[in-house]
Amino acid sequence: MPATSQAQQKAAGAALSAKRGEIKKSELKGASREMYDSMSEKQLEEFAETKRKGLPGKKAAD
C-alpha cells in the first residue's frame, strides 16, 4: 500500500531507518514512532518507497 501524503512517506522512512538500526528508536517522534511499533519492515518499505511527486503535503481530513 503506498503512502497517501508526503508526511506519511517521510514518517515511514524514519521508522524504517530505526528498524534497520540506522538511527535510534528514541529519536523517533509522533507518527514515525507509532509506525515503528505497529508495522513490519516490509510494510514500512512499501510506504517509504512511494514517490513524493504528486502527493499532498498532508493527508486531507475525511
N, C-alpha and C. Protein backbone atom coordinates (compact mmCIF):
# COMPACT_ATOMS: atom_id res chain seq x y z
N MET A 1 0.85 -1.17 0.00
CA MET A 1 0.00 0.00 0.00
C MET A 1 0.90 1.24 0.00
N PRO A 2 0.74 2.13 -0.94
CA PRO A 2 1.58 3.33 -0.99
C PRO A 2 1.14 4.38 0.02
N ALA A 3 2.05 5.27 0.36
CA ALA A 3 1.74 6.38 1.25
C ALA A 3 0.75 7.32 0.57
N THR A 4 -0.08 7.99 1.36
CA THR A 4 -1.09 8.89 0.79
C THR A 4 -0.70 10.35 0.92
N SER A 5 0.43 10.64 1.57
CA SER A 5 0.90 12.02 1.68
C SER A 5 2.41 12.02 1.86
N GLN A 6 3.01 13.19 1.62
CA GLN A 6 4.44 13.31 1.79
C GLN A 6 4.84 13.11 3.24
N ALA A 7 4.03 13.62 4.17
CA ALA A 7 4.33 13.47 5.59
C ALA A 7 4.33 12.00 6.00
N GLN A 8 3.38 11.23 5.48
CA GLN A 8 3.31 9.81 5.78
C GLN A 8 4.52 9.07 5.21
N GLN A 9 4.96 9.45 4.03
CA GLN A 9 6.11 8.82 3.39
C GLN A 9 7.38 9.12 4.19
N LYS A 10 7.54 10.34 4.66
CA LYS A 10 8.71 10.72 5.46
C LYS A 10 8.72 9.98 6.79
N ALA A 11 7.57 9.89 7.45
CA ALA A 11 7.48 9.19 8.73
C ALA A 11 7.83 7.71 8.56
N ALA A 12 7.38 7.11 7.49
CA ALA A 12 7.68 5.70 7.22
C ALA A 12 9.18 5.53 6.98
N GLY A 13 9.79 6.46 6.29
CA GLY A 13 11.23 6.40 6.05
C GLY A 13 12.03 6.47 7.34
N ALA A 14 11.62 7.34 8.25
CA ALA A 14 12.30 7.46 9.54
C ALA A 14 12.13 6.18 10.36
N ALA A 15 10.91 5.64 10.39
CA ALA A 15 10.64 4.41 11.13
C ALA A 15 11.44 3.24 10.54
N LEU A 16 11.54 3.20 9.24
CA LEU A 16 12.31 2.14 8.57
C LEU A 16 13.79 2.24 8.93
N SER A 17 14.32 3.44 8.98
CA SER A 17 15.72 3.63 9.38
C SER A 17 15.96 3.11 10.78
N ALA A 18 15.01 3.35 11.67
CA ALA A 18 15.15 2.85 13.05
C ALA A 18 15.05 1.33 13.09
N LYS A 19 14.15 0.75 12.32
CA LYS A 19 14.01 -0.71 12.27
C LYS A 19 15.31 -1.36 11.81
N ARG A 20 16.00 -0.71 10.90
CA ARG A 20 17.24 -1.24 10.35
C ARG A 20 18.46 -0.90 11.21
N GLY A 21 18.25 -0.13 12.28
CA GLY A 21 19.34 0.20 13.18
C GLY A 21 20.19 1.37 12.73
N GLU A 22 19.74 2.11 11.74
CA GLU A 22 20.49 3.25 11.22
C GLU A 22 20.36 4.46 12.14
N ILE A 23 19.25 4.58 12.83
CA ILE A 23 19.04 5.62 13.84
C ILE A 23 18.44 4.95 15.07
N LYS A 24 18.47 5.66 16.20
CA LYS A 24 17.93 5.10 17.43
C LYS A 24 16.42 5.28 17.48
N LYS A 25 15.74 4.33 18.08
CA LYS A 25 14.29 4.42 18.23
C LYS A 25 13.91 5.65 19.03
N SER A 26 14.76 6.03 19.98
CA SER A 26 14.47 7.19 20.83
C SER A 26 14.45 8.50 20.05
N GLU A 27 15.00 8.51 18.84
CA GLU A 27 14.99 9.71 18.00
C GLU A 27 13.66 9.90 17.28
N LEU A 28 12.83 8.87 17.26
CA LEU A 28 11.54 8.95 16.57
C LEU A 28 10.52 9.69 17.41
N LYS A 29 9.63 10.41 16.72
CA LYS A 29 8.56 11.15 17.39
C LYS A 29 7.26 10.96 16.61
N GLY A 30 6.16 11.09 17.30
CA GLY A 30 4.85 11.09 16.66
C GLY A 30 4.54 9.89 15.80
N ALA A 31 4.15 10.17 14.56
CA ALA A 31 3.70 9.12 13.64
C ALA A 31 4.79 8.10 13.34
N SER A 32 6.03 8.56 13.24
CA SER A 32 7.10 7.61 12.91
C SER A 32 7.30 6.61 14.05
N ARG A 33 7.14 7.04 15.30
CA ARG A 33 7.25 6.10 16.42
C ARG A 33 6.10 5.10 16.41
N GLU A 34 4.90 5.58 16.12
CA GLU A 34 3.73 4.69 16.04
C GLU A 34 3.92 3.67 14.92
N MET A 35 4.44 4.13 13.77
CA MET A 35 4.68 3.22 12.65
C MET A 35 5.73 2.19 13.01
N TYR A 36 6.77 2.60 13.71
CA TYR A 36 7.83 1.68 14.13
C TYR A 36 7.25 0.55 14.96
N ASP A 37 6.36 0.89 15.89
CA ASP A 37 5.78 -0.10 16.79
C ASP A 37 4.74 -1.00 16.13
N SER A 38 4.02 -0.48 15.15
CA SER A 38 2.87 -1.21 14.63
C SER A 38 3.06 -1.85 13.25
N MET A 39 4.14 -1.54 12.55
CA MET A 39 4.31 -2.04 11.19
C MET A 39 5.58 -2.87 11.04
N SER A 40 5.54 -3.81 10.10
CA SER A 40 6.71 -4.62 9.81
C SER A 40 7.67 -3.83 8.91
N GLU A 41 8.88 -4.34 8.78
CA GLU A 41 9.86 -3.69 7.91
C GLU A 41 9.37 -3.68 6.46
N LYS A 42 8.74 -4.74 6.03
CA LYS A 42 8.22 -4.83 4.66
C LYS A 42 7.13 -3.77 4.42
N GLN A 43 6.23 -3.61 5.38
CA GLN A 43 5.17 -2.60 5.24
C GLN A 43 5.78 -1.20 5.19
N LEU A 44 6.76 -0.95 6.04
CA LEU A 44 7.41 0.36 6.05
C LEU A 44 8.12 0.63 4.73
N GLU A 45 8.73 -0.40 4.15
CA GLU A 45 9.39 -0.24 2.85
C GLU A 45 8.39 0.20 1.79
N GLU A 46 7.21 -0.41 1.79
CA GLU A 46 6.18 -0.06 0.80
C GLU A 46 5.76 1.40 0.93
N PHE A 47 5.60 1.88 2.16
CA PHE A 47 5.23 3.27 2.37
C PHE A 47 6.38 4.20 1.99
N ALA A 48 7.59 3.87 2.43
CA ALA A 48 8.73 4.75 2.23
C ALA A 48 9.16 4.86 0.77
N GLU A 49 8.93 3.82 -0.04
CA GLU A 49 9.37 3.87 -1.43
C GLU A 49 8.40 4.62 -2.34
N THR A 50 7.28 5.07 -1.81
CA THR A 50 6.32 5.85 -2.59
C THR A 50 6.97 7.15 -3.06
N LYS A 51 6.83 7.46 -4.32
CA LYS A 51 7.38 8.71 -4.87
C LYS A 51 6.59 9.89 -4.30
N ARG A 52 7.28 10.95 -3.94
CA ARG A 52 6.62 12.12 -3.34
C ARG A 52 5.92 13.00 -4.38
N LYS A 53 6.39 12.94 -5.62
CA LYS A 53 5.82 13.80 -6.65
C LYS A 53 4.33 13.51 -6.80
N GLY A 54 3.53 14.54 -6.70
CA GLY A 54 2.09 14.39 -6.87
C GLY A 54 1.33 14.11 -5.58
N LEU A 55 2.06 13.85 -4.49
CA LEU A 55 1.38 13.60 -3.21
C LEU A 55 1.13 14.93 -2.50
N PRO A 56 0.03 15.04 -1.79
CA PRO A 56 -0.19 16.25 -1.00
C PRO A 56 0.77 16.27 0.18
N GLY A 57 1.03 17.46 0.73
CA GLY A 57 1.92 17.60 1.88
C GLY A 57 1.40 16.81 3.08
N LYS A 58 0.12 16.96 3.33
CA LYS A 58 -0.53 16.23 4.41
C LYS A 58 -1.82 15.61 3.90
N LYS A 59 -2.24 14.54 4.53
CA LYS A 59 -3.48 13.86 4.13
C LYS A 59 -4.66 14.74 4.51
N ALA A 60 -5.59 14.88 3.60
CA ALA A 60 -6.80 15.68 3.86
C ALA A 60 -7.69 14.98 4.87
N ALA A 61 -8.29 15.75 5.75
CA ALA A 61 -9.22 15.18 6.74
C ALA A 61 -10.47 14.69 6.03
N ASP A 62 -10.97 13.55 6.47
CA ASP A 62 -12.16 12.98 5.85
C ASP A 62 -13.42 13.54 6.44
